[in-house]
């Protein structure tokens, strides 16, 4: 199990809330999440506007992530600037905390900077040794099978969250099997994102929900 958990260079785990969850905030989750969603939207919007003001090299981003500049830097300089990496990973962690809260997996309000119960590890790559300079041009295409499968897995995860909503309201607990499936969906999505958009690894992601 330990070997499997470190096999892919992008890992995610979420602590299972082995306690009664807050029924009140669970019932009104669609409303309680609004303030942090506004902050996330403003942050992403500011990132895109800020990139546009820095010049041609940094004006293109995908929903706040520095993607196209990273592709060009890897292609022409074979380099992944550390601050771009740090920004991408920090933003992804924040997004994941928000969606963890939205999916009812935890009832702590999402922090903008603290890890809380969502643990994500994405090691900084040595671009010259670990990354092929040409592969970023086609990674988005190579990941298409994952996009297709994740569409169906994502639908199943939404159903799990809906069922869990009722379970929490009546029992105060998130059924462990449903929790593991939703977390597995997040984990799978992280691997695909790390491969095709964050560009932190050339290792093709596995078709798996497990660690």
N, C-alpha and C. Protein backbone atom coordinates (compact mmCIF):
# COMPACT_ATOMS: atom_id res chain seq x y z
N UNK A 1 0.83 -1.21 0.00
CA UNK A 1 0.00 0.00 0.00
C UNK A 1 0.86 1.25 0.00
N UNK A 2 1.94 1.23 0.75
CA UNK A 2 2.82 2.40 0.81
C UNK A 2 3.44 2.67 -0.54
N UNK A 3 3.82 1.61 -1.27
CA UNK A 3 4.41 1.79 -2.59
C UNK A 3 3.39 2.37 -3.55
N UNK A 4 2.13 1.91 -3.44
CA UNK A 4 1.09 2.41 -4.34
C UNK A 4 0.82 3.89 -4.10
N UNK A 5 0.92 4.32 -2.82
CA UNK A 5 0.58 5.70 -2.48
C UNK A 5 1.59 6.70 -3.01
N UNK A 6 2.82 6.23 -3.32
CA UNK A 6 3.82 7.16 -3.81
C UNK A 6 4.13 6.92 -5.29
N UNK A 7 3.34 6.04 -5.94
CA UNK A 7 3.63 5.69 -7.32
C UNK A 7 3.43 6.88 -8.26
N UNK A 8 2.37 7.65 -8.05
CA UNK A 8 2.12 8.77 -8.94
C UNK A 8 2.51 10.08 -8.24
N UNK A 9 3.23 10.97 -8.94
CA UNK A 9 3.73 12.20 -8.31
C UNK A 9 2.68 13.29 -8.16
N UNK A 10 1.50 12.92 -7.73
CA UNK A 10 0.44 13.88 -7.37
C UNK A 10 -0.53 13.10 -6.49
N UNK A 11 -0.57 13.46 -5.21
CA UNK A 11 -1.36 12.68 -4.26
C UNK A 11 -2.36 13.56 -3.54
N UNK A 12 -3.50 12.96 -3.25
CA UNK A 12 -4.55 13.66 -2.52
C UNK A 12 -5.18 12.72 -1.51
N UNK A 13 -5.39 13.22 -0.31
CA UNK A 13 -6.15 12.50 0.70
C UNK A 13 -6.96 13.51 1.50
N UNK A 14 -8.11 13.08 1.96
CA UNK A 14 -8.99 13.92 2.77
C UNK A 14 -9.36 13.13 4.01
N UNK A 15 -9.15 13.71 5.17
CA UNK A 15 -9.44 13.02 6.43
C UNK A 15 -10.93 12.75 6.54
N UNK A 16 -11.26 11.50 6.84
CA UNK A 16 -12.67 11.14 7.03
C UNK A 16 -13.17 11.71 8.35
N UNK A 17 -14.29 12.43 8.34
CA UNK A 17 -14.82 13.00 9.58
C UNK A 17 -15.51 11.94 10.43
N UNK A 18 -14.76 11.29 11.28
CA UNK A 18 -15.30 10.22 12.11
C UNK A 18 -16.02 10.81 13.32
N UNK A 19 -17.05 11.56 13.03
CA UNK A 19 -17.85 12.26 14.05
C UNK A 19 -19.12 12.73 13.39
N UNK A 20 -20.01 13.29 14.19
CA UNK A 20 -21.24 13.84 13.61
C UNK A 20 -20.94 15.17 12.92
N UNK A 21 -21.43 15.29 11.71
CA UNK A 21 -21.26 16.53 10.95
C UNK A 21 -22.38 17.51 11.29
N UNK A 22 -22.14 18.75 10.99
CA UNK A 22 -23.10 19.81 11.30
C UNK A 22 -24.29 19.71 10.35
N UNK A 23 -25.45 19.34 10.90
CA UNK A 23 -26.63 19.17 10.06
C UNK A 23 -27.13 20.50 9.51
N UNK A 24 -27.00 21.56 10.30
CA UNK A 24 -27.51 22.86 9.87
C UNK A 24 -26.76 23.39 8.64
N UNK A 25 -25.42 23.41 8.72
CA UNK A 25 -24.65 23.91 7.57
C UNK A 25 -24.73 22.94 6.39
N UNK A 26 -24.95 21.65 6.69
CA UNK A 26 -25.13 20.69 5.60
C UNK A 26 -26.41 20.99 4.83
N UNK A 27 -27.47 21.26 5.55
CA UNK A 27 -28.76 21.54 4.91
C UNK A 27 -28.68 22.79 4.03
N UNK A 28 -27.96 23.80 4.52
CA UNK A 28 -27.88 25.07 3.80
C UNK A 28 -26.55 25.23 3.05
N UNK A 29 -25.92 24.13 2.67
CA UNK A 29 -24.58 24.21 2.06
C UNK A 29 -24.57 25.04 0.78
N UNK A 30 -25.64 24.98 0.01
CA UNK A 30 -25.69 25.77 -1.22
C UNK A 30 -25.62 27.27 -0.95
N UNK A 31 -25.99 27.66 0.26
CA UNK A 31 -25.96 29.07 0.62
C UNK A 31 -24.69 29.43 1.41
N UNK A 32 -24.27 28.54 2.30
CA UNK A 32 -23.10 28.85 3.12
C UNK A 32 -21.82 28.91 2.30
N UNK A 33 -21.82 28.25 1.15
CA UNK A 33 -20.60 28.23 0.33
C UNK A 33 -20.46 29.49 -0.52
N UNK A 34 -21.51 30.28 -0.63
CA UNK A 34 -21.49 31.45 -1.53
C UNK A 34 -20.35 32.42 -1.23
N UNK A 35 -20.10 32.81 0.03
CA UNK A 35 -19.02 33.79 0.27
C UNK A 35 -17.64 33.32 -0.21
N UNK A 36 -17.31 32.04 0.05
CA UNK A 36 -15.98 31.57 -0.36
C UNK A 36 -15.92 31.38 -1.87
N UNK A 37 -17.05 31.08 -2.51
CA UNK A 37 -17.08 31.00 -3.97
C UNK A 37 -16.84 32.37 -4.59
N UNK A 38 -17.38 33.41 -3.96
CA UNK A 38 -17.14 34.77 -4.46
C UNK A 38 -15.66 35.12 -4.35
N UNK A 39 -15.05 34.76 -3.22
CA UNK A 39 -13.61 35.03 -3.04
C UNK A 39 -12.80 34.27 -4.09
N UNK A 40 -13.15 33.01 -4.32
CA UNK A 40 -12.44 32.21 -5.32
C UNK A 40 -12.59 32.82 -6.70
N UNK A 41 -13.80 33.25 -7.04
CA UNK A 41 -14.04 33.86 -8.35
C UNK A 41 -13.25 35.16 -8.51
N UNK A 42 -13.21 35.97 -7.45
CA UNK A 42 -12.45 37.21 -7.51
C UNK A 42 -10.96 36.93 -7.63
N UNK A 43 -10.50 35.90 -6.94
CA UNK A 43 -9.09 35.54 -7.00
C UNK A 43 -8.71 35.09 -8.40
N UNK A 44 -9.54 34.25 -8.99
CA UNK A 44 -9.27 33.77 -10.35
C UNK A 44 -9.33 34.92 -11.35
N UNK A 45 -10.33 35.80 -11.17
CA UNK A 45 -10.44 36.95 -12.06
C UNK A 45 -9.27 37.89 -11.94
N UNK A 46 -8.81 38.12 -10.70
CA UNK A 46 -7.65 38.99 -10.48
C UNK A 46 -6.40 38.38 -11.07
N UNK A 47 -6.29 37.04 -11.00
CA UNK A 47 -5.12 36.37 -11.56
C UNK A 47 -5.07 36.55 -13.07
N UNK A 48 -6.22 36.39 -13.71
CA UNK A 48 -6.26 36.56 -15.16
C UNK A 48 -5.99 38.00 -15.57
N UNK A 49 -6.56 38.97 -14.83
CA UNK A 49 -6.32 40.37 -15.15
C UNK A 49 -4.86 40.74 -14.91
N UNK A 50 -4.31 40.19 -13.80
CA UNK A 50 -2.92 40.49 -13.49
C UNK A 50 -1.99 39.93 -14.53
N UNK A 51 -2.28 38.72 -14.99
CA UNK A 51 -1.44 38.13 -16.03
C UNK A 51 -1.50 38.96 -17.31
N UNK A 52 -2.69 39.49 -17.60
CA UNK A 52 -2.84 40.27 -18.82
C UNK A 52 -2.02 41.55 -18.76
N UNK A 53 -1.77 42.05 -17.58
CA UNK A 53 -1.03 43.29 -17.44
C UNK A 53 0.48 43.08 -17.38
N UNK A 54 0.92 41.82 -17.34
CA UNK A 54 2.35 41.59 -17.22
C UNK A 54 3.04 41.44 -18.57
N UNK A 55 2.29 41.45 -19.64
CA UNK A 55 2.93 41.33 -20.94
C UNK A 55 2.59 40.05 -21.64
N UNK A 56 3.12 39.92 -22.84
CA UNK A 56 2.76 38.80 -23.71
C UNK A 56 3.06 37.45 -23.08
N UNK A 57 4.14 37.29 -22.36
CA UNK A 57 4.54 35.99 -21.85
C UNK A 57 3.59 35.45 -20.80
N UNK A 58 2.84 36.33 -20.10
CA UNK A 58 2.02 35.87 -18.99
C UNK A 58 0.56 36.24 -19.13
N UNK A 59 0.11 36.57 -20.33
CA UNK A 59 -1.24 37.08 -20.42
C UNK A 59 -2.27 35.97 -20.60
N UNK A 60 -1.82 34.73 -20.83
CA UNK A 60 -2.77 33.66 -21.04
C UNK A 60 -2.77 32.72 -19.84
N UNK A 61 -3.96 32.52 -19.25
CA UNK A 61 -4.11 31.59 -18.13
C UNK A 61 -5.43 30.86 -18.31
N UNK A 62 -5.54 29.70 -17.71
CA UNK A 62 -6.78 28.93 -17.75
C UNK A 62 -7.40 28.96 -16.36
N UNK A 63 -8.52 29.66 -16.25
CA UNK A 63 -9.25 29.85 -15.00
C UNK A 63 -8.31 30.12 -13.83
N UNK A 64 -7.35 30.99 -14.05
CA UNK A 64 -6.45 31.40 -12.98
C UNK A 64 -5.15 30.64 -12.93
N UNK A 65 -5.06 29.50 -13.58
CA UNK A 65 -3.82 28.72 -13.57
C UNK A 65 -2.90 29.18 -14.71
N UNK A 66 -1.62 29.20 -14.43
CA UNK A 66 -0.63 29.59 -15.43
C UNK A 66 -0.32 28.37 -16.28
N UNK A 67 -0.98 28.27 -17.44
CA UNK A 67 -0.86 27.07 -18.27
C UNK A 67 -0.06 27.35 -19.54
N UNK A 68 -0.59 28.19 -20.42
CA UNK A 68 0.09 28.43 -21.69
C UNK A 68 1.50 29.01 -21.50
N UNK A 69 1.71 29.96 -20.56
CA UNK A 69 3.08 30.42 -20.34
C UNK A 69 4.02 29.29 -19.94
N UNK A 70 3.49 28.33 -19.14
CA UNK A 70 4.32 27.19 -18.74
C UNK A 70 4.65 26.31 -19.93
N UNK A 71 3.66 26.10 -20.81
CA UNK A 71 3.91 25.32 -22.03
C UNK A 71 5.02 25.97 -22.85
N UNK A 72 4.94 27.28 -23.03
CA UNK A 72 5.93 27.98 -23.84
C UNK A 72 7.31 27.97 -23.17
N UNK A 73 7.33 28.12 -21.84
CA UNK A 73 8.60 28.11 -21.13
C UNK A 73 9.27 26.74 -21.22
N UNK A 74 8.47 25.68 -21.09
CA UNK A 74 9.03 24.34 -21.22
C UNK A 74 9.52 24.09 -22.64
N UNK A 75 8.76 24.57 -23.60
CA UNK A 75 9.10 24.33 -24.99
C UNK A 75 10.38 25.05 -25.41
N UNK A 76 10.51 26.32 -25.04
CA UNK A 76 11.63 27.12 -25.53
C UNK A 76 12.81 27.21 -24.56
N UNK A 77 12.53 27.13 -23.26
CA UNK A 77 13.60 27.24 -22.27
C UNK A 77 13.82 25.97 -21.47
N UNK A 78 12.90 24.99 -21.62
CA UNK A 78 12.95 23.75 -20.85
C UNK A 78 13.07 24.06 -19.35
N UNK A 79 12.17 24.93 -18.90
CA UNK A 79 12.22 25.42 -17.53
C UNK A 79 10.80 25.63 -17.01
N UNK A 80 10.59 25.32 -15.71
CA UNK A 80 9.30 25.55 -15.06
C UNK A 80 9.56 26.50 -13.90
N UNK A 81 9.29 27.80 -14.07
CA UNK A 81 9.56 28.77 -13.00
C UNK A 81 8.90 28.37 -11.68
N UNK A 82 9.65 28.43 -10.61
CA UNK A 82 9.15 27.94 -9.32
C UNK A 82 7.92 28.72 -8.85
N UNK A 83 7.89 30.02 -9.09
CA UNK A 83 6.76 30.79 -8.58
C UNK A 83 5.48 30.51 -9.35
N UNK A 84 5.63 30.12 -10.63
CA UNK A 84 4.44 29.69 -11.37
C UNK A 84 3.93 28.38 -10.79
N UNK A 85 4.83 27.46 -10.50
CA UNK A 85 4.46 26.19 -9.89
C UNK A 85 3.77 26.41 -8.55
N UNK A 86 4.37 27.24 -7.71
CA UNK A 86 3.80 27.50 -6.38
C UNK A 86 2.40 28.10 -6.49
N UNK A 87 2.21 29.03 -7.41
CA UNK A 87 0.90 29.63 -7.60
C UNK A 87 -0.12 28.59 -8.04
N UNK A 88 0.23 27.78 -9.05
CA UNK A 88 -0.69 26.77 -9.55
C UNK A 88 -1.10 25.79 -8.46
N UNK A 89 -0.13 25.32 -7.70
CA UNK A 89 -0.42 24.33 -6.65
C UNK A 89 -1.25 24.96 -5.54
N UNK A 90 -0.90 26.17 -5.12
CA UNK A 90 -1.65 26.83 -4.06
C UNK A 90 -3.10 27.09 -4.47
N UNK A 91 -3.30 27.52 -5.71
CA UNK A 91 -4.65 27.77 -6.19
C UNK A 91 -5.43 26.47 -6.30
N UNK A 92 -4.77 25.40 -6.75
CA UNK A 92 -5.46 24.12 -6.86
C UNK A 92 -5.86 23.61 -5.47
N UNK A 93 -4.99 23.78 -4.49
CA UNK A 93 -5.32 23.35 -3.13
C UNK A 93 -6.52 24.11 -2.59
N UNK A 94 -6.54 25.42 -2.84
CA UNK A 94 -7.66 26.23 -2.37
C UNK A 94 -8.96 25.79 -3.05
N UNK A 95 -8.92 25.59 -4.36
CA UNK A 95 -10.10 25.11 -5.09
C UNK A 95 -10.59 23.77 -4.53
N UNK A 96 -9.65 22.89 -4.22
CA UNK A 96 -10.03 21.57 -3.70
C UNK A 96 -10.67 21.67 -2.33
N UNK A 97 -10.18 22.58 -1.48
CA UNK A 97 -10.81 22.77 -0.17
C UNK A 97 -12.24 23.27 -0.33
N UNK A 98 -12.44 24.16 -1.29
CA UNK A 98 -13.78 24.68 -1.53
C UNK A 98 -14.71 23.58 -2.01
N UNK A 99 -14.26 22.76 -2.97
CA UNK A 99 -15.12 21.70 -3.49
C UNK A 99 -15.29 20.56 -2.50
N UNK A 100 -14.32 20.39 -1.61
CA UNK A 100 -14.47 19.41 -0.53
C UNK A 100 -15.62 19.82 0.38
N UNK A 101 -15.67 21.10 0.70
CA UNK A 101 -16.76 21.63 1.52
C UNK A 101 -18.09 21.51 0.79
N UNK A 102 -18.10 21.84 -0.48
CA UNK A 102 -19.33 21.78 -1.28
C UNK A 102 -19.84 20.34 -1.39
N UNK A 103 -18.93 19.38 -1.47
CA UNK A 103 -19.30 17.97 -1.58
C UNK A 103 -19.64 17.35 -0.23
N UNK A 104 -19.68 18.17 0.83
CA UNK A 104 -20.09 17.75 2.17
C UNK A 104 -19.08 16.83 2.85
N UNK A 105 -17.88 16.70 2.26
CA UNK A 105 -16.89 15.78 2.82
C UNK A 105 -16.38 16.26 4.17
N UNK A 106 -16.37 17.57 4.37
CA UNK A 106 -15.98 18.18 5.64
C UNK A 106 -16.94 19.34 5.93
N UNK A 107 -17.05 19.70 7.21
CA UNK A 107 -17.91 20.83 7.54
C UNK A 107 -17.14 22.04 8.07
N UNK A 108 -15.77 21.96 8.11
CA UNK A 108 -15.00 23.15 8.41
C UNK A 108 -15.07 24.09 7.20
N UNK A 109 -15.22 25.38 7.49
CA UNK A 109 -15.30 26.32 6.38
C UNK A 109 -13.93 26.40 5.69
N UNK A 110 -13.88 26.41 4.35
CA UNK A 110 -12.60 26.36 3.63
C UNK A 110 -11.69 27.54 3.98
N UNK A 111 -10.44 27.22 4.26
CA UNK A 111 -9.44 28.24 4.51
C UNK A 111 -8.80 28.67 3.20
N UNK A 112 -8.40 29.93 3.13
CA UNK A 112 -7.72 30.41 1.92
C UNK A 112 -6.25 29.99 1.89
N UNK A 113 -5.70 29.59 3.04
CA UNK A 113 -4.28 29.27 3.06
C UNK A 113 -3.91 28.03 3.88
N UNK A 114 -4.69 27.67 4.88
CA UNK A 114 -4.35 26.52 5.71
C UNK A 114 -4.77 25.22 5.05
N UNK A 115 -4.01 24.15 5.31
CA UNK A 115 -4.26 22.86 4.68
C UNK A 115 -5.56 22.23 5.15
N UNK A 116 -5.89 22.41 6.43
CA UNK A 116 -7.05 21.80 7.05
C UNK A 116 -7.00 20.27 6.89
N UNK A 117 -8.10 19.66 6.45
CA UNK A 117 -8.14 18.20 6.35
C UNK A 117 -7.90 17.70 4.94
N UNK A 118 -7.55 18.61 4.03
CA UNK A 118 -7.31 18.24 2.63
C UNK A 118 -5.80 18.26 2.38
N UNK A 119 -5.25 17.10 2.07
CA UNK A 119 -3.80 16.97 1.93
C UNK A 119 -3.44 16.67 0.47
N UNK A 120 -2.71 17.58 -0.14
CA UNK A 120 -2.29 17.43 -1.53
C UNK A 120 -0.78 17.56 -1.62
N UNK A 121 -0.16 16.62 -2.30
CA UNK A 121 1.28 16.65 -2.50
C UNK A 121 1.59 16.59 -3.99
N UNK A 122 2.22 17.63 -4.49
CA UNK A 122 2.66 17.68 -5.89
C UNK A 122 4.11 18.14 -5.86
N UNK A 123 5.05 17.25 -6.07
CA UNK A 123 6.47 17.65 -6.00
C UNK A 123 6.87 18.56 -7.16
N UNK A 124 7.74 19.51 -6.86
CA UNK A 124 8.25 20.41 -7.89
C UNK A 124 9.16 19.64 -8.84
N UNK A 125 8.90 19.69 -10.14
CA UNK A 125 9.67 18.88 -11.08
C UNK A 125 10.99 19.54 -11.48
N UNK A 126 11.98 18.72 -11.74
CA UNK A 126 13.20 19.19 -12.37
C UNK A 126 12.93 19.14 -13.88
N UNK A 127 12.62 20.28 -14.46
CA UNK A 127 12.14 20.31 -15.84
C UNK A 127 13.10 19.62 -16.81
N UNK A 128 14.38 19.88 -16.66
CA UNK A 128 15.34 19.34 -17.62
C UNK A 128 15.45 17.82 -17.52
N UNK A 129 15.26 17.27 -16.33
CA UNK A 129 15.41 15.83 -16.15
C UNK A 129 14.08 15.08 -16.18
N UNK A 130 13.02 15.73 -15.68
CA UNK A 130 11.76 15.01 -15.48
C UNK A 130 10.71 15.29 -16.55
N UNK A 131 10.85 16.39 -17.30
CA UNK A 131 9.79 16.78 -18.23
C UNK A 131 10.30 16.84 -19.66
N UNK A 132 9.56 16.24 -20.56
CA UNK A 132 9.84 16.33 -21.99
C UNK A 132 9.36 17.69 -22.49
N UNK A 133 10.20 18.43 -23.17
CA UNK A 133 9.84 19.78 -23.56
C UNK A 133 8.74 19.82 -24.62
N UNK A 134 8.55 18.73 -25.37
CA UNK A 134 7.55 18.71 -26.44
C UNK A 134 6.21 18.14 -25.99
N UNK A 135 6.21 17.33 -24.96
CA UNK A 135 4.99 16.63 -24.54
C UNK A 135 3.86 17.58 -24.11
N UNK A 136 4.14 18.73 -23.49
CA UNK A 136 3.03 19.63 -23.11
C UNK A 136 2.15 20.06 -24.27
N UNK A 137 2.66 19.98 -25.50
CA UNK A 137 1.85 20.37 -26.65
C UNK A 137 0.70 19.39 -26.91
N UNK A 138 0.84 18.15 -26.45
CA UNK A 138 -0.18 17.14 -26.75
C UNK A 138 -0.78 16.49 -25.51
N UNK A 139 -0.36 16.90 -24.33
CA UNK A 139 -0.89 16.26 -23.12
C UNK A 139 -2.41 16.40 -23.01
N UNK A 140 -2.92 17.58 -23.36
CA UNK A 140 -4.36 17.79 -23.29
C UNK A 140 -5.10 16.80 -24.17
N UNK A 141 -4.48 16.45 -25.31
CA UNK A 141 -5.10 15.50 -26.24
C UNK A 141 -4.97 14.07 -25.72
N UNK A 142 -3.82 13.73 -25.20
CA UNK A 142 -3.60 12.38 -24.68
C UNK A 142 -4.50 12.06 -23.50
N UNK A 143 -4.94 13.10 -22.79
CA UNK A 143 -5.77 12.91 -21.60
C UNK A 143 -7.26 12.80 -21.93
N UNK A 144 -7.63 12.86 -23.21
CA UNK A 144 -9.04 12.81 -23.59
C UNK A 144 -9.76 11.58 -23.05
N UNK A 145 -9.16 10.38 -23.09
CA UNK A 145 -9.85 9.22 -22.49
C UNK A 145 -10.22 9.44 -21.03
N UNK A 146 -9.35 10.13 -20.28
CA UNK A 146 -9.65 10.42 -18.88
C UNK A 146 -10.83 11.38 -18.76
N UNK A 147 -10.87 12.40 -19.63
CA UNK A 147 -11.99 13.35 -19.58
C UNK A 147 -13.31 12.61 -19.77
N UNK A 148 -13.35 11.69 -20.72
CA UNK A 148 -14.58 10.97 -21.02
C UNK A 148 -15.02 10.12 -19.83
N UNK A 149 -14.07 9.35 -19.29
CA UNK A 149 -14.41 8.49 -18.16
C UNK A 149 -14.79 9.32 -16.94
N UNK A 150 -14.06 10.42 -16.72
CA UNK A 150 -14.35 11.25 -15.55
C UNK A 150 -15.71 11.92 -15.64
N UNK A 151 -16.22 12.14 -16.84
CA UNK A 151 -17.58 12.68 -16.97
C UNK A 151 -18.58 11.74 -16.31
N UNK A 152 -18.45 10.44 -16.58
CA UNK A 152 -19.37 9.46 -15.99
C UNK A 152 -19.09 9.25 -14.50
N UNK A 153 -17.81 9.21 -14.15
CA UNK A 153 -17.46 9.07 -12.74
C UNK A 153 -17.95 10.27 -11.95
N UNK A 154 -17.82 11.47 -12.56
CA UNK A 154 -18.28 12.68 -11.90
C UNK A 154 -19.78 12.67 -11.65
N UNK A 155 -20.54 12.16 -12.61
CA UNK A 155 -22.00 12.06 -12.44
C UNK A 155 -22.32 11.14 -11.27
N UNK A 156 -21.60 10.02 -11.20
CA UNK A 156 -21.80 9.10 -10.08
C UNK A 156 -21.44 9.76 -8.75
N UNK A 157 -20.38 10.59 -8.76
CA UNK A 157 -19.98 11.29 -7.54
C UNK A 157 -21.04 12.28 -7.10
N UNK A 158 -21.67 12.97 -8.05
CA UNK A 158 -22.76 13.90 -7.71
C UNK A 158 -23.92 13.16 -7.05
N UNK A 159 -24.25 11.99 -7.58
CA UNK A 159 -25.30 11.17 -6.98
C UNK A 159 -24.91 10.77 -5.55
N UNK A 160 -23.64 10.42 -5.36
CA UNK A 160 -23.16 10.05 -4.03
C UNK A 160 -23.31 11.21 -3.05
N UNK A 161 -22.98 12.42 -3.50
CA UNK A 161 -23.10 13.59 -2.64
C UNK A 161 -24.57 13.84 -2.28
N UNK A 162 -25.44 13.67 -3.24
CA UNK A 162 -26.88 13.86 -2.99
C UNK A 162 -27.39 12.87 -1.95
N UNK A 163 -26.99 11.61 -2.09
CA UNK A 163 -27.39 10.59 -1.12
C UNK A 163 -26.78 10.89 0.25
N UNK A 164 -25.50 11.32 0.25
CA UNK A 164 -24.82 11.64 1.50
C UNK A 164 -25.50 12.81 2.22
N UNK A 165 -26.06 13.75 1.45
CA UNK A 165 -26.75 14.89 2.04
C UNK A 165 -27.90 14.41 2.93
N UNK A 166 -28.68 13.48 2.42
CA UNK A 166 -29.77 12.92 3.21
C UNK A 166 -29.24 12.12 4.39
N UNK A 167 -28.18 11.36 4.16
CA UNK A 167 -27.62 10.54 5.24
C UNK A 167 -27.13 11.42 6.39
N UNK A 168 -26.48 12.53 6.06
CA UNK A 168 -25.97 13.43 7.11
C UNK A 168 -27.13 14.07 7.87
N UNK A 169 -28.16 14.47 7.15
CA UNK A 169 -29.31 15.11 7.82
C UNK A 169 -29.98 14.16 8.80
N UNK A 170 -30.03 12.86 8.47
CA UNK A 170 -30.74 11.90 9.32
C UNK A 170 -29.83 11.23 10.35
N UNK A 171 -28.55 11.03 10.00
CA UNK A 171 -27.66 10.29 10.90
C UNK A 171 -26.48 11.12 11.41
N UNK A 172 -26.20 12.24 10.73
CA UNK A 172 -25.05 13.05 11.10
C UNK A 172 -23.73 12.52 10.56
N UNK A 173 -23.78 11.44 9.80
CA UNK A 173 -22.57 10.80 9.29
C UNK A 173 -22.56 10.73 7.77
N UNK A 174 -21.36 10.82 7.22
CA UNK A 174 -21.16 10.65 5.78
C UNK A 174 -20.82 9.17 5.56
N UNK A 175 -21.66 8.39 4.88
CA UNK A 175 -21.36 6.97 4.66
C UNK A 175 -19.95 6.78 4.10
N UNK A 176 -19.18 5.91 4.72
CA UNK A 176 -17.77 5.79 4.37
C UNK A 176 -17.55 5.38 2.92
N UNK A 177 -18.39 4.48 2.42
CA UNK A 177 -18.22 4.03 1.03
C UNK A 177 -18.44 5.19 0.05
N UNK A 178 -19.44 6.03 0.33
CA UNK A 178 -19.69 7.18 -0.53
C UNK A 178 -18.56 8.19 -0.42
N UNK A 179 -18.07 8.39 0.80
CA UNK A 179 -16.96 9.31 1.04
C UNK A 179 -15.74 8.88 0.23
N UNK A 180 -15.41 7.60 0.30
CA UNK A 180 -14.22 7.10 -0.41
C UNK A 180 -14.37 7.26 -1.92
N UNK A 181 -15.58 7.06 -2.42
CA UNK A 181 -15.78 7.20 -3.87
C UNK A 181 -15.61 8.65 -4.31
N UNK A 182 -16.18 9.59 -3.57
CA UNK A 182 -16.07 11.00 -3.94
C UNK A 182 -14.62 11.46 -3.84
N UNK A 183 -13.93 11.07 -2.77
CA UNK A 183 -12.51 11.43 -2.63
C UNK A 183 -11.70 10.81 -3.76
N UNK A 184 -12.03 9.57 -4.12
CA UNK A 184 -11.34 8.93 -5.24
C UNK A 184 -11.53 9.69 -6.54
N UNK A 185 -12.72 10.24 -6.74
CA UNK A 185 -12.98 11.05 -7.93
C UNK A 185 -12.12 12.30 -7.93
N UNK A 186 -12.03 12.96 -6.76
CA UNK A 186 -11.15 14.12 -6.64
C UNK A 186 -9.70 13.73 -6.92
N UNK A 187 -9.29 12.57 -6.42
CA UNK A 187 -7.91 12.12 -6.59
C UNK A 187 -7.60 11.87 -8.06
N UNK A 188 -8.52 11.22 -8.73
CA UNK A 188 -8.35 10.94 -10.17
C UNK A 188 -8.25 12.26 -10.94
N UNK A 189 -9.13 13.20 -10.62
CA UNK A 189 -9.11 14.50 -11.29
C UNK A 189 -7.80 15.24 -11.04
N UNK A 190 -7.28 15.14 -9.83
CA UNK A 190 -5.99 15.77 -9.51
C UNK A 190 -4.89 15.23 -10.41
N UNK A 191 -4.82 13.92 -10.57
CA UNK A 191 -3.76 13.32 -11.38
C UNK A 191 -3.85 13.79 -12.84
N UNK A 192 -5.07 13.83 -13.36
CA UNK A 192 -5.24 14.28 -14.74
C UNK A 192 -4.87 15.75 -14.88
N UNK A 193 -5.25 16.56 -13.90
CA UNK A 193 -4.91 17.98 -13.93
C UNK A 193 -3.41 18.19 -13.83
N UNK A 194 -2.75 17.45 -12.94
CA UNK A 194 -1.30 17.58 -12.78
C UNK A 194 -0.58 17.21 -14.08
N UNK A 195 -1.11 16.23 -14.78
CA UNK A 195 -0.49 15.77 -16.03
C UNK A 195 -0.74 16.72 -17.19
N UNK A 196 -2.02 17.12 -17.39
CA UNK A 196 -2.38 17.80 -18.63
C UNK A 196 -2.42 19.32 -18.54
N UNK A 197 -2.58 19.89 -17.31
CA UNK A 197 -2.70 21.34 -17.20
C UNK A 197 -1.65 21.96 -16.27
N UNK A 198 -1.44 21.37 -15.11
CA UNK A 198 -0.37 21.89 -14.26
C UNK A 198 0.99 21.52 -14.81
N UNK A 199 1.07 20.44 -15.59
CA UNK A 199 2.28 20.03 -16.32
C UNK A 199 3.44 19.72 -15.38
N UNK A 200 3.14 19.15 -14.23
CA UNK A 200 4.18 18.85 -13.25
C UNK A 200 4.78 17.47 -13.42
N UNK A 201 4.20 16.64 -14.28
CA UNK A 201 4.71 15.29 -14.48
C UNK A 201 4.40 14.82 -15.89
N UNK A 202 5.25 13.95 -16.41
CA UNK A 202 5.01 13.31 -17.71
C UNK A 202 4.46 11.90 -17.54
N UNK A 203 4.31 11.45 -16.31
CA UNK A 203 3.80 10.10 -16.06
C UNK A 203 2.30 10.06 -16.32
N UNK A 204 1.87 9.20 -17.22
CA UNK A 204 0.45 9.15 -17.58
C UNK A 204 -0.37 8.69 -16.39
N UNK A 205 -1.45 9.40 -16.07
CA UNK A 205 -2.23 9.06 -14.87
C UNK A 205 -2.95 7.73 -15.02
N UNK A 206 -3.06 6.99 -13.93
CA UNK A 206 -3.78 5.72 -13.98
C UNK A 206 -5.30 5.94 -13.97
N UNK A 207 -6.03 5.00 -14.52
CA UNK A 207 -7.48 5.03 -14.46
C UNK A 207 -7.90 4.39 -13.14
N UNK A 208 -7.83 5.15 -12.08
CA UNK A 208 -8.06 4.57 -10.76
C UNK A 208 -8.53 5.62 -9.77
N UNK A 209 -9.39 5.18 -8.84
CA UNK A 209 -9.85 6.03 -7.75
C UNK A 209 -8.96 5.90 -6.52
N UNK A 210 -8.16 4.87 -6.47
CA UNK A 210 -7.40 4.55 -5.27
C UNK A 210 -6.14 5.37 -5.19
N UNK A 211 -5.50 5.33 -4.02
CA UNK A 211 -4.25 6.06 -3.82
C UNK A 211 -3.11 5.40 -4.59
